[in-house]
Structures are given as structure tokens and as C-alpha cells.
Amino acid sequence: MLLFHIDDAGRWPNLLANVRNAAAADPDQALRVIANGQSPVSLWAHGHWRREIEERISAGLCVDFCENSLRNMGLDPSARPAGSNLVPAGVIAIAQAQAAGAFYLKP
């Protein structure tokens, strides 16, 4: 599994490009995104990045949002992109994924 970590709201274009490239190069590779810090705020607006994330989720991308980050920014967890998941703490989810063998990438 490739684990993409994003914690900066302005890094979504880079992350999405990396996800597109990885999916094109190896369609069978499991891909996961863990979003924490300030990054979720960009996807609470219903713009291009959110549409692409939802399309990627429909195609098999796993996207997890940190509940701590959402709470700290006052974002409603129920308004997250369709098909995405919540994790209690992004840093713990990242550590657990790495311990299970995921390859960590931070675009």
C-alpha cells in the first residue's frame, strides 16, 4: 500500500497528481490518503479538488480524515467528501499503516 499524507491545505494539487500517476502506473496498487492538520479545510468547499477526491474514492482510493483536525477547525465530519472515512487521530493512523507495511509518501 502507498500511504499519502497531507497536512497542508495547499498541497492537494500535488497529492492528487501523485495519486493519478500512481494509479496509472500500477492500477492494482492499494492507495490511501490520510488528511490531518489544516488540509481538510480545502475539501469542505464543493470545488474541483473535492470532486476529484470523490471520483478517486469511487475508483478505490481510501481517504481518511483526522477527527482531531476536523474538531480543531470546526468542520462538520458529516460534510466530508462522499465515501471518505474518519480516524480518531491522523498521526496514529499513519503510524499503524506504516507498522503494517505501508510506504509513506508526503507530496
PDB file of N, CA and C in Angstrom:
ATOM      1  N   MET A   1       0.846  -1.185   0.000  1.00  0.00           N
ATOM      2  CA  MET A   1       0.000   0.000   0.000  1.00  0.00           C
ATOM      3  C   MET A   1       0.887   1.243   0.000  1.00  0.00           C
ATOM      4  N   LEU A   2       0.460   2.227  -0.792  1.00  0.00           N
ATOM      5  CA  LEU A   2       1.098   3.541  -0.770  1.00  0.00           C
ATOM      6  C   LEU A   2       0.242   4.446   0.104  1.00  0.00           C
ATOM      7  N   LEU A   3       0.872   5.054   1.082  1.00  0.00           N
ATOM      8  CA  LEU A   3       0.185   5.920   2.032  1.00  0.00           C
ATOM      9  C   LEU A   3       0.604   7.359   1.772  1.00  0.00           C
ATOM     10  N   PHE A   4      -0.330   8.175   1.323  1.00  0.00           N
ATOM     11  CA  PHE A   4      -0.093   9.587   1.066  1.00  0.00           C
ATOM     12  C   PHE A   4      -0.566  10.383   2.277  1.00  0.00           C
ATOM     13  N   HIS A   5       0.321  11.190   2.833  1.00  0.00           N
ATOM     14  CA  HIS A   5      -0.021  12.014   3.992  1.00  0.00           C
ATOM     15  C   HIS A   5      -0.083  13.469   3.559  1.00  0.00           C
ATOM     16  N   ILE A   6      -1.162  14.135   3.930  1.00  0.00           N
ATOM     17  CA  ILE A   6      -1.307  15.556   3.633  1.00  0.00           C
ATOM     18  C   ILE A   6      -1.744  16.288   4.896  1.00  0.00           C
ATOM     19  N   ASP A   7      -1.043  17.392   5.203  1.00  0.00           N
ATOM     20  CA  ASP A   7      -1.418  18.194   6.365  1.00  0.00           C
ATOM     21  C   ASP A   7      -1.459  19.683   6.039  1.00  0.00           C
ATOM     22  N   ASP A   8      -1.298  20.016   4.774  1.00  0.00           N
ATOM     23  CA  ASP A   8      -1.277  21.414   4.327  1.00  0.00           C
ATOM     24  C   ASP A   8      -2.375  21.595   3.285  1.00  0.00           C
ATOM     25  N   ALA A   9      -3.272  22.542   3.519  1.00  0.00           N
ATOM     26  CA  ALA A   9      -4.425  22.756   2.638  1.00  0.00           C
ATOM     27  C   ALA A   9      -4.024  23.063   1.193  1.00  0.00           C
ATOM     28  N   GLY A  10      -2.859  23.634   0.987  1.00  0.00           N
ATOM     29  CA  GLY A  10      -2.430  23.997  -0.361  1.00  0.00           C
ATOM     30  C   GLY A  10      -1.730  22.898  -1.132  1.00  0.00           C
ATOM     31  N   ARG A  11      -1.578  21.722  -0.526  1.00  0.00           N
ATOM     32  CA  ARG A  11      -0.837  20.632  -1.175  1.00  0.00           C
ATOM     33  C   ARG A  11      -1.725  19.643  -1.942  1.00  0.00           C
ATOM     34  N   TRP A  12      -3.038  19.880  -1.978  1.00  0.00           N
ATOM     35  CA  TRP A  12      -3.927  18.945  -2.676  1.00  0.00           C
ATOM     36  C   TRP A  12      -3.574  18.761  -4.152  1.00  0.00           C
ATOM     37  N   PRO A  13      -3.206  19.800  -4.902  1.00  0.00           N
ATOM     38  CA  PRO A  13      -2.858  19.564  -6.307  1.00  0.00           C
ATOM     39  C   PRO A  13      -1.676  18.588  -6.461  1.00  0.00           C
ATOM     40  N   ASN A  14      -0.678  18.712  -5.593  1.00  0.00           N
ATOM     41  CA  ASN A  14       0.464  17.801  -5.649  1.00  0.00           C
ATOM     42  C   ASN A  14       0.048  16.381  -5.281  1.00  0.00           C
ATOM     43  N   LEU A  15      -0.739  16.273  -4.229  1.00  0.00           N
ATOM     44  CA  LEU A  15      -1.192  14.947  -3.811  1.00  0.00           C
ATOM     45  C   LEU A  15      -2.035  14.293  -4.891  1.00  0.00           C
ATOM     46  N   LEU A  16      -2.966  15.034  -5.453  1.00  0.00           N
ATOM     47  CA  LEU A  16      -3.823  14.474  -6.498  1.00  0.00           C
ATOM     48  C   LEU A  16      -3.012  14.046  -7.721  1.00  0.00           C
ATOM     49  N   ALA A  17      -2.002  14.817  -8.084  1.00  0.00           N
ATOM     50  CA  ALA A  17      -1.138  14.437  -9.202  1.00  0.00           C
ATOM     51  C   ALA A  17      -0.401  13.148  -8.882  1.00  0.00           C
ATOM     52  N   ASN A  18       0.104  13.014  -7.663  1.00  0.00           N
ATOM     53  CA  ASN A  18       0.788  11.781  -7.264  1.00  0.00           C
ATOM     54  C   ASN A  18      -0.152  10.588  -7.283  1.00  0.00           C
ATOM     55  N   VAL A  19      -1.369  10.776  -6.795  1.00  0.00           N
ATOM     56  CA  VAL A  19      -2.360   9.688  -6.791  1.00  0.00           C
ATOM     57  C   VAL A  19      -2.708   9.283  -8.224  1.00  0.00           C
ATOM     58  N   ARG A  20      -2.931  10.268  -9.098  1.00  0.00           N
ATOM     59  CA  ARG A  20      -3.233   9.958 -10.505  1.00  0.00           C
ATOM     60  C   ARG A  20      -2.094   9.173 -11.138  1.00  0.00           C
ATOM     61  N   ASN A  21      -0.864   9.622 -10.915  1.00  0.00           N
ATOM     62  CA  ASN A  21       0.293   8.959 -11.508  1.00  0.00           C
ATOM     63  C   ASN A  21       0.472   7.539 -10.979  1.00  0.00           C
ATOM     64  N   ALA A  22       0.301   7.361  -9.670  1.00  0.00           N
ATOM     65  CA  ALA A  22       0.436   6.030  -9.083  1.00  0.00           C
ATOM     66  C   ALA A  22      -0.641   5.087  -9.606  1.00  0.00           C
ATOM     67  N   ALA A  23      -1.870   5.576  -9.694  1.00  0.00           N
ATOM     68  CA  ALA A  23      -2.972   4.744 -10.191  1.00  0.00           C
ATOM     69  C   ALA A  23      -2.760   4.365 -11.656  1.00  0.00           C
ATOM     70  N   ALA A  24      -2.217   5.276 -12.442  1.00  0.00           N
ATOM     71  CA  ALA A  24      -1.966   4.974 -13.861  1.00  0.00           C
ATOM     72  C   ALA A  24      -0.813   3.995 -14.021  1.00  0.00           C
ATOM     73  N   ALA A  25       0.216   4.129 -13.202  1.00  0.00           N
ATOM     74  CA  ALA A  25       1.396   3.271 -13.321  1.00  0.00           C
ATOM     75  C   ALA A  25       1.135   1.853 -12.822  1.00  0.00           C
ATOM     76  N   ASP A  26       0.297   1.720 -11.787  1.00  0.00           N
ATOM     77  CA  ASP A  26       0.018   0.406 -11.206  1.00  0.00           C
ATOM     78  C   ASP A  26      -1.424   0.387 -10.702  1.00  0.00           C
ATOM     79  N   PRO A  27      -2.365   0.089 -11.599  1.00  0.00           N
ATOM     80  CA  PRO A  27      -3.790   0.129 -11.232  1.00  0.00           C
ATOM     81  C   PRO A  27      -4.168  -0.811 -10.080  1.00  0.00           C
ATOM     82  N   ASP A  28      -3.352  -1.827  -9.813  1.00  0.00           N
ATOM     83  CA  ASP A  28      -3.667  -2.771  -8.737  1.00  0.00           C
ATOM     84  C   ASP A  28      -3.091  -2.364  -7.387  1.00  0.00           C
ATOM     85  N   GLN A  29      -2.294  -1.305  -7.363  1.00  0.00           N
ATOM     86  CA  GLN A  29      -1.670  -0.846  -6.118  1.00  0.00           C
ATOM     87  C   GLN A  29      -2.713  -0.192  -5.218  1.00  0.00           C
ATOM     88  N   ALA A  30      -2.763  -0.632  -3.967  1.00  0.00           N
ATOM     89  CA  ALA A  30      -3.662  -0.009  -2.992  1.00  0.00           C
ATOM     90  C   ALA A  30      -3.127   1.378  -2.630  1.00  0.00           C
ATOM     91  N   LEU A  31      -4.025   2.361  -2.625  1.00  0.00           N
ATOM     92  CA  LEU A  31      -3.653   3.742  -2.322  1.00  0.00           C
ATOM     93  C   LEU A  31      -4.517   4.265  -1.176  1.00  0.00           C
ATOM     94  N   ARG A  32      -3.866   4.956  -0.251  1.00  0.00           N
ATOM     95  CA  ARG A  32      -4.584   5.517   0.897  1.00  0.00           C
ATOM     96  C   ARG A  32      -4.080   6.923   1.165  1.00  0.00           C
ATOM     97  N   VAL A  33      -4.990   7.812   1.497  1.00  0.00           N
ATOM     98  CA  VAL A  33      -4.662   9.179   1.873  1.00  0.00           C
ATOM     99  C   VAL A  33      -5.110   9.388   3.314  1.00  0.00           C
ATOM    100  N   ILE A  34      -4.223   9.955   4.125  1.00  0.00           N
ATOM    101  CA  ILE A  34      -4.609  10.379   5.466  1.00  0.00           C
ATOM    102  C   ILE A  34      -4.412  11.883   5.523  1.00  0.00           C
ATOM    103  N   ALA A  35      -5.501  12.592   5.808  1.00  0.00           N
ATOM    104  CA  ALA A  35      -5.501  14.052   5.833  1.00  0.00           C
ATOM    105  C   ALA A  35      -5.685  14.540   7.263  1.00  0.00           C
ATOM    106  N   ASN A  36      -4.730  15.354   7.709  1.00  0.00           N
ATOM    107  CA  ASN A  36      -4.835  15.953   9.035  1.00  0.00           C
ATOM    108  C   ASN A  36      -4.326  17.384   8.978  1.00  0.00           C
ATOM    109  N   GLY A  37      -4.113  17.986  10.137  1.00  0.00           N
ATOM    110  CA  GLY A  37      -3.655  19.371  10.165  1.00  0.00           C
ATOM    111  C   GLY A  37      -4.690  20.281   9.515  1.00  0.00           C
ATOM    112  N   GLN A  38      -4.208  21.210   8.694  1.00  0.00           N
ATOM    113  CA  GLN A  38      -5.081  22.176   8.018  1.00  0.00           C
ATOM    114  C   GLN A  38      -5.638  21.659   6.693  1.00  0.00           C
ATOM    115  N   SER A  39      -5.163  20.507   6.228  1.00  0.00           N
ATOM    116  CA  SER A  39      -5.531  20.049   4.878  1.00  0.00           C
ATOM    117  C   SER A  39      -7.026  19.824   4.643  1.00  0.00           C
ATOM    118  N   PRO A  40      -7.797  19.311   5.603  1.00  0.00           N
ATOM    119  CA  PRO A  40      -9.202  19.042   5.296  1.00  0.00           C
ATOM    120  C   PRO A  40     -10.009  20.258   4.853  1.00  0.00           C
ATOM    121  N   VAL A  41      -9.655  21.444   5.337  1.00  0.00           N
ATOM    122  CA  VAL A  41     -10.467  22.630   5.060  1.00  0.00           C
ATOM    123  C   VAL A  41     -10.675  22.841   3.553  1.00  0.00           C
ATOM    124  N   SER A  42      -9.711  22.493   2.735  1.00  0.00           N
ATOM    125  CA  SER A  42      -9.829  22.683   1.283  1.00  0.00           C
ATOM    126  C   SER A  42     -10.913  21.817   0.654  1.00  0.00           C
ATOM    127  N   LEU A  43     -11.227  20.696   1.269  1.00  0.00           N
ATOM    128  CA  LEU A  43     -12.214  19.791   0.674  1.00  0.00           C
ATOM    129  C   LEU A  43     -13.614  19.973   1.238  1.00  0.00           C
ATOM    130  N   TRP A  44     -13.776  20.885   2.209  1.00  0.00           N
ATOM    131  CA  TRP A  44     -15.128  21.148   2.708  1.00  0.00           C
ATOM    132  C   TRP A  44     -15.875  22.090   1.767  1.00  0.00           C
ATOM    133  N   ALA A  45     -15.148  22.762   0.909  1.00  0.00           N
ATOM    134  CA  ALA A  45     -15.770  23.531  -0.177  1.00  0.00           C
ATOM    135  C   ALA A  45     -16.069  22.533  -1.302  1.00  0.00           C
ATOM    136  N   HIS A  46     -17.110  22.764  -2.033  1.00  0.00           N
ATOM    137  CA  HIS A  46     -17.500  21.823  -3.086  1.00  0.00           C
ATOM    138  C   HIS A  46     -16.884  22.237  -4.417  1.00  0.00           C
ATOM    139  N   GLY A  47     -15.555  22.187  -4.488  1.00  0.00           N
ATOM    140  CA  GLY A  47     -14.841  22.599  -5.685  1.00  0.00           C
ATOM    141  C   GLY A  47     -14.204  21.439  -6.416  1.00  0.00           C
ATOM    142  N   HIS A  48     -13.293  21.774  -7.290  1.00  0.00           N
ATOM    143  CA  HIS A  48     -12.637  20.797  -8.168  1.00  0.00           C
ATOM    144  C   HIS A  48     -11.902  19.703  -7.381  1.00  0.00           C
ATOM    145  N   TRP A  49     -11.142  20.088  -6.353  1.00  0.00           N
ATOM    146  CA  TRP A  49     -10.380  19.081  -5.609  1.00  0.00           C
ATOM    147  C   TRP A  49     -11.307  18.083  -4.935  1.00  0.00           C
ATOM    148  N   ARG A  50     -12.397  18.568  -4.379  1.00  0.00           N
ATOM    149  CA  ARG A  50     -13.347  17.660  -3.721  1.00  0.00           C
ATOM    150  C   ARG A  50     -13.971  16.708  -4.746  1.00  0.00           C
ATOM    151  N   ARG A  51     -14.348  17.240  -5.911  1.00  0.00           N
ATOM    152  CA  ARG A  51     -14.921  16.371  -6.950  1.00  0.00           C
ATOM    153  C   ARG A  51     -13.932  15.288  -7.351  1.00  0.00           C
ATOM    154  N   GLU A  52     -12.678  15.667  -7.533  1.00  0.00           N
ATOM    155  CA  GLU A  52     -11.693  14.656  -7.934  1.00  0.00           C
ATOM    156  C   GLU A  52     -11.467  13.630  -6.830  1.00  0.00           C
ATOM    157  N   ILE A  53     -11.399  14.065  -5.589  1.00  0.00           N
ATOM    158  CA  ILE A  53     -11.238  13.112  -4.480  1.00  0.00           C
ATOM    159  C   ILE A  53     -12.406  12.134  -4.459  1.00  0.00           C
ATOM    160  N   GLU A  54     -13.634  12.632  -4.609  1.00  0.00           N
ATOM    161  CA  GLU A  54     -14.798  11.746  -4.603  1.00  0.00           C
ATOM    162  C   GLU A  54     -14.770  10.774  -5.780  1.00  0.00           C
ATOM    163  N   GLU A  55     -14.310  11.236  -6.944  1.00  0.00           N
ATOM    164  CA  GLU A  55     -14.166  10.337  -8.098  1.00  0.00           C
ATOM    165  C   GLU A  55     -13.126   9.262  -7.813  1.00  0.00           C
ATOM    166  N   ARG A  56     -12.013   9.654  -7.210  1.00  0.00           N
ATOM    167  CA  ARG A  56     -10.945   8.695  -6.873  1.00  0.00           C
ATOM    168  C   ARG A  56     -11.418   7.697  -5.819  1.00  0.00           C
ATOM    169  N   ILE A  57     -12.193   8.171  -4.843  1.00  0.00           N
ATOM    170  CA  ILE A  57     -12.746   7.270  -3.833  1.00  0.00           C
ATOM    171  C   ILE A  57     -13.643   6.239  -4.510  1.00  0.00           C
ATOM    172  N   SER A  58     -14.464   6.687  -5.450  1.00  0.00           N
ATOM    173  CA  SER A  58     -15.346   5.760  -6.178  1.00  0.00           C
ATOM    174  C   SER A  58     -14.546   4.714  -6.948  1.00  0.00           C
ATOM    175  N   ALA A  59     -13.321   5.077  -7.339  1.00  0.00           N
ATOM    176  CA  ALA A  59     -12.460   4.164  -8.093  1.00  0.00           C
ATOM    177  C   ALA A  59     -11.580   3.312  -7.173  1.00  0.00           C
ATOM    178  N   GLY A  60     -11.724   3.459  -5.845  1.00  0.00           N
ATOM    179  CA  GLY A  60     -11.000   2.589  -4.932  1.00  0.00           C
ATOM    180  C   GLY A  60     -10.003   3.260  -3.998  1.00  0.00           C
ATOM    181  N   LEU A  61      -9.790   4.562  -4.123  1.00  0.00           N
ATOM    182  CA  LEU A  61      -8.883   5.265  -3.217  1.00  0.00           C
ATOM    183  C   LEU A  61      -9.500   5.332  -1.821  1.00  0.00           C
ATOM    184  N   CYS A  62      -8.701   5.029  -0.814  1.00  0.00           N
ATOM    185  CA  CYS A  62      -9.139   5.163   0.579  1.00  0.00           C
ATOM    186  C   CYS A  62      -8.687   6.525   1.078  1.00  0.00           C
ATOM    187  N   VAL A  63      -9.627   7.320   1.601  1.00  0.00           N
ATOM    188  CA  VAL A  63      -9.307   8.644   2.131  1.00  0.00           C
ATOM    189  C   VAL A  63      -9.834   8.736   3.561  1.00  0.00           C
ATOM    190  N   ASP A  64      -8.915   9.033   4.481  1.00  0.00           N
ATOM    191  CA  ASP A  64      -9.256   9.150   5.891  1.00  0.00           C
ATOM    192  C   ASP A  64      -8.972  10.558   6.386  1.00  0.00           C
ATOM    193  N   PHE A  65      -9.907  11.116   7.128  1.00  0.00           N
ATOM    194  CA  PHE A  65      -9.742  12.434   7.731  1.00  0.00           C
ATOM    195  C   PHE A  65      -9.607  12.286   9.241  1.00  0.00           C
ATOM    196  N   CYS A  66      -8.695  13.053   9.799  1.00  0.00           N
ATOM    197  CA  CYS A  66      -8.439  13.053  11.237  1.00  0.00           C
ATOM    198  C   CYS A  66      -9.562  13.801  11.967  1.00  0.00           C
ATOM    199  N   GLU A  67     -10.222  13.096  12.883  1.00  0.00           N
ATOM    200  CA  GLU A  67     -11.295  13.730  13.655  1.00  0.00           C
ATOM    201  C   GLU A  67     -10.775  14.886  14.507  1.00  0.00           C
ATOM    202  N   ASN A  68      -9.569  14.756  15.063  1.00  0.00           N
ATOM    203  CA  ASN A  68      -8.992  15.841  15.864  1.00  0.00           C
ATOM    204  C   ASN A  68      -8.851  17.106  15.025  1.00  0.00           C
ATOM    205  N   SER A  69      -8.357  16.957  13.801  1.00  0.00           N
ATOM    206  CA  SER A  69      -8.173  18.111  12.922  1.00  0.00           C
ATOM    207  C   SER A  69      -9.513  18.757  12.578  1.00  0.00           C
ATOM    208  N   LEU A  70     -10.508  17.934  12.283  1.00  0.00           N
ATOM    209  CA  LEU A  70     -11.830  18.475  11.947  1.00  0.00           C
ATOM    210  C   LEU A  70     -12.399  19.258  13.128  1.00  0.00           C
ATOM    211  N   ARG A  71     -12.284  18.678  14.309  1.00  0.00           N
ATOM    212  CA  ARG A  71     -12.795  19.344  15.514  1.00  0.00           C
ATOM    213  C   ARG A  71     -12.049  20.663  15.755  1.00  0.00           C
ATOM    214  N   ASN A  72     -10.727  20.645  15.611  1.00  0.00           N
ATOM    215  CA  ASN A  72      -9.927  21.849  15.844  1.00  0.00           C
ATOM    216  C   ASN A  72     -10.251  22.973  14.870  1.00  0.00           C
ATOM    217  N   MET A  73     -10.707  22.616  13.664  1.00  0.00           N
ATOM    218  CA  MET A  73     -11.039  23.633  12.664  1.00  0.00           C
ATOM    219  C   MET A  73     -12.529  23.931  12.613  1.00  0.00           C
ATOM    220  N   GLY A  74     -13.317  23.256  13.430  1.00  0.00           N
ATOM    221  CA  GLY A  74     -14.758  23.488  13.450  1.00  0.00           C
ATOM    222  C   GLY A  74     -15.471  22.963  12.218  1.00  0.00           C
ATOM    223  N   LEU A  75     -14.919  21.901  11.604  1.00  0.00           N
ATOM    224  CA  LEU A  75     -15.540  21.323  10.406  1.00  0.00           C
ATOM    225  C   LEU A  75     -16.472  20.181  10.801  1.00  0.00           C
ATOM    226  N   ASP A  76     -17.635  20.135  10.200  1.00  0.00           N
ATOM    227  CA  ASP A  76     -18.632  19.101  10.469  1.00  0.00           C
ATOM    228  C   ASP A  76     -18.199  17.802   9.786  1.00  0.00           C
ATOM    229  N   PRO A  77     -17.920  16.744  10.557  1.00  0.00           N
ATOM    230  CA  PRO A  77     -17.478  15.483   9.961  1.00  0.00           C
ATOM    231  C   PRO A  77     -18.475  14.896   8.956  1.00  0.00           C
ATOM    232  N   SER A  78     -19.764  15.182   9.159  1.00  0.00           N
ATOM    233  CA  SER A  78     -20.767  14.631   8.239  1.00  0.00           C
ATOM    234  C   SER A  78     -20.728  15.314   6.873  1.00  0.00           C
ATOM    235  N   ALA A  79     -20.019  16.434   6.761  1.00  0.00           N
ATOM    236  CA  ALA A  79     -19.920  17.161   5.491  1.00  0.00           C
ATOM    237  C   ALA A  79     -18.674  16.761   4.700  1.00  0.00           C
ATOM    238  N   ARG A  80     -17.993  15.697   5.142  1.00  0.00           N
ATOM    239  CA  ARG A  80     -16.769  15.267   4.450  1.00  0.00           C
ATOM    240  C   ARG A  80     -17.105  14.689   3.074  1.00  0.00           C
ATOM    241  N   PRO A  81     -16.109  14.585   2.200  1.00  0.00           N
ATOM    242  CA  PRO A  81     -16.358  14.024   0.864  1.00  0.00           C
ATOM    243  C   PRO A  81     -16.988  12.630   0.932  1.00  0.00           C
ATOM    244  N   ALA A  82     -17.906  12.380   0.014  1.00  0.00           N
ATOM    245  CA  ALA A  82     -18.621  11.103  -0.026  1.00  0.00           C
ATOM    246  C   ALA A  82     -17.645   9.934  -0.120  1.00  0.00           C
ATOM    247  N   GLY A  83     -17.877   8.939   0.724  1.00  0.00           N
ATOM    248  CA  GLY A  83     -17.066   7.723   0.694  1.00  0.00           C
ATOM    249  C   GLY A  83     -15.803   7.786   1.522  1.00  0.00           C
ATOM    250  N   SER A  84     -15.488   8.957   2.069  1.00  0.00           N
ATOM    251  CA  SER A  84     -14.291   9.065   2.904  1.00  0.00           C
ATOM    252  C   SER A  84     -14.594   8.557   4.314  1.00  0.00           C
ATOM    253  N   ASN A  85     -13.535   8.360   5.075  1.00  0.00           N
ATOM    254  CA  ASN A  85     -13.650   7.805   6.425  1.00  0.00           C
ATOM    255  C   ASN A  85     -13.078   8.767   7.449  1.00  0.00           C
ATOM    256  N   LEU A  86     -13.385   8.493   8.703  1.00  0.00           N
ATOM    257  CA  LEU A  86     -12.825   9.246   9.822  1.00  0.00           C
ATOM    258  C   LEU A  86     -11.886   8.341  10.612  1.00  0.00           C
ATOM    259  N   VAL A  87     -10.789   8.908  11.078  1.00  0.00           N
ATOM    260  CA  VAL A  87      -9.907   8.217  12.015  1.00  0.00           C
ATOM    261  C   VAL A  87      -9.784   9.130  13.237  1.00  0.00           C
ATOM    262  N   PRO A  88      -9.705   8.563  14.434  1.00  0.00           N
ATOM    263  CA  PRO A  88      -9.648   9.404  15.636  1.00  0.00           C
ATOM    264  C   PRO A  88      -8.450  10.352  15.648  1.00  0.00           C
ATOM    265  N   ALA A  89      -7.288   9.854  15.238  1.00  0.00           N
ATOM    266  CA  ALA A  89      -6.065  10.666  15.234  1.00  0.00           C
ATOM    267  C   ALA A  89      -5.244  10.293  14.004  1.00  0.00           C
ATOM    268  N   GLY A  90      -4.994  11.262  13.148  1.00  0.00           N
ATOM    269  CA  GLY A  90      -4.257  11.008  11.919  1.00  0.00           C
ATOM    270  C   GLY A  90      -2.868  10.448  12.158  1.00  0.00           C
ATOM    271  N   VAL A  91      -2.159  10.979  13.150  1.00  0.00           N
ATOM    272  CA  VAL A  91      -0.793  10.513  13.397  1.00  0.00           C
ATOM    273  C   VAL A  91      -0.768   9.047  13.821  1.00  0.00           C
ATOM    274  N   ILE A  92      -1.761   8.630  14.581  1.00  0.00           N
ATOM    275  CA  ILE A  92      -1.836   7.215  14.988  1.00  0.00           C
ATOM    276  C   ILE A  92      -2.157   6.356  13.774  1.00  0.00           C
ATOM    277  N   ALA A  93      -3.086   6.804  12.929  1.00  0.00           N
ATOM    278  CA  ALA A  93      -3.425   6.048  11.721  1.00  0.00           C
ATOM    279  C   ALA A  93      -2.211   5.897  10.805  1.00  0.00           C
ATOM    280  N   ILE A  94      -1.411   6.955  10.695  1.00  0.00           N
ATOM    281  CA  ILE A  94      -0.199   6.895   9.867  1.00  0.00           C
ATOM    282  C   ILE A  94       0.772   5.876  10.455  1.00  0.00           C
ATOM    283  N   ALA A  95       1.008   5.946  11.751  1.00  0.00           N
ATOM    284  CA  ALA A  95       1.936   5.014  12.401  1.00  0.00           C
ATOM    285  C   ALA A  95       1.466   3.573  12.253  1.00  0.00           C
ATOM    286  N   GLN A  96       0.174   3.339  12.424  1.00  0.00           N
ATOM    287  CA  GLN A  96      -0.362   1.980  12.289  1.00  0.00           C
ATOM    288  C   GLN A  96      -0.219   1.466  10.863  1.00  0.00           C
ATOM    289  N   ALA A  97      -0.475   2.324   9.881  1.00  0.00           N
ATOM    290  CA  ALA A  97      -0.337   1.912   8.480  1.00  0.00           C
ATOM    291  C   ALA A  97       1.115   1.577   8.157  1.00  0.00           C
ATOM    292  N   GLN A  98       2.037   2.395   8.653  1.00  0.00           N
ATOM    293  CA  GLN A  98       3.448   2.115   8.409  1.00  0.00           C
ATOM    294  C   GLN A  98       3.877   0.819   9.094  1.00  0.00           C
ATOM    295  N   ALA A  99       3.409   0.586  10.300  1.00  0.00           N
ATOM    296  CA  ALA A  99       3.744  -0.638  11.010  1.00  0.00           C
ATOM    297  C   ALA A  99       3.222  -1.873  10.265  1.00  0.00           C
ATOM    298  N   ALA A 100       2.124  -1.684   9.526  1.00  0.00           N
ATOM    299  CA  ALA A 100       1.537  -2.778   8.744  1.00  0.00           C
ATOM    300  C   ALA A 100       2.187  -2.923   7.370  1.00  0.00           C
ATOM    301  N   GLY A 101       3.193  -2.079   7.080  1.00  0.00           N
ATOM    302  CA  GLY A 101       3.933  -2.219   5.825  1.00  0.00           C
ATOM    303  C   GLY A 101       3.650  -1.192   4.757  1.00  0.00           C
ATOM    304  N   ALA A 102       2.839  -0.182   5.054  1.00  0.00           N
ATOM    305  CA  ALA A 102       2.553   0.839   4.043  1.00  0.00           C
ATOM    306  C   ALA A 102       3.805   1.684   3.779  1.00  0.00           C
ATOM    307  N   PHE A 103       3.942   2.128   2.535  1.00  0.00           N
ATOM    308  CA  PHE A 103       5.036   3.002   2.147  1.00  0.00           C
ATOM    309  C   PHE A 103       4.559   4.440   2.267  1.00  0.00           C
ATOM    310  N   TYR A 104       5.220   5.218   3.127  1.00  0.00           N
ATOM    311  CA  TYR A 104       4.815   6.590   3.440  1.00  0.00           C
ATOM    312  C   TYR A 104       5.331   7.556   2.386  1.00  0.00           C
ATOM    313  N   LEU A 105       4.412   8.389   1.879  1.00  0.00           N
ATOM    314  CA  LEU A 105       4.762   9.428   0.921  1.00  0.00           C
ATOM    315  C   LEU A 105       4.112  10.733   1.364  1.00  0.00           C
ATOM    316  N   LYS A 106       4.871  11.822   1.279  1.00  0.00           N
ATOM    317  CA  LYS A 106       4.305  13.122   1.627  1.00  0.00           C
ATOM    318  C   LYS A 106       4.581  14.079   0.480  1.00  0.00           C
ATOM    319  N   PRO A 107       3.613  14.188  -0.445  1.00  0.00           N
ATOM    320  CA  PRO A 107       3.811  15.072  -1.598  1.00  0.00           C
ATOM    321  C   PRO A 107       3.936  16.533  -1.187  1.00  0.00           C
TER     322      PRO A 107
END
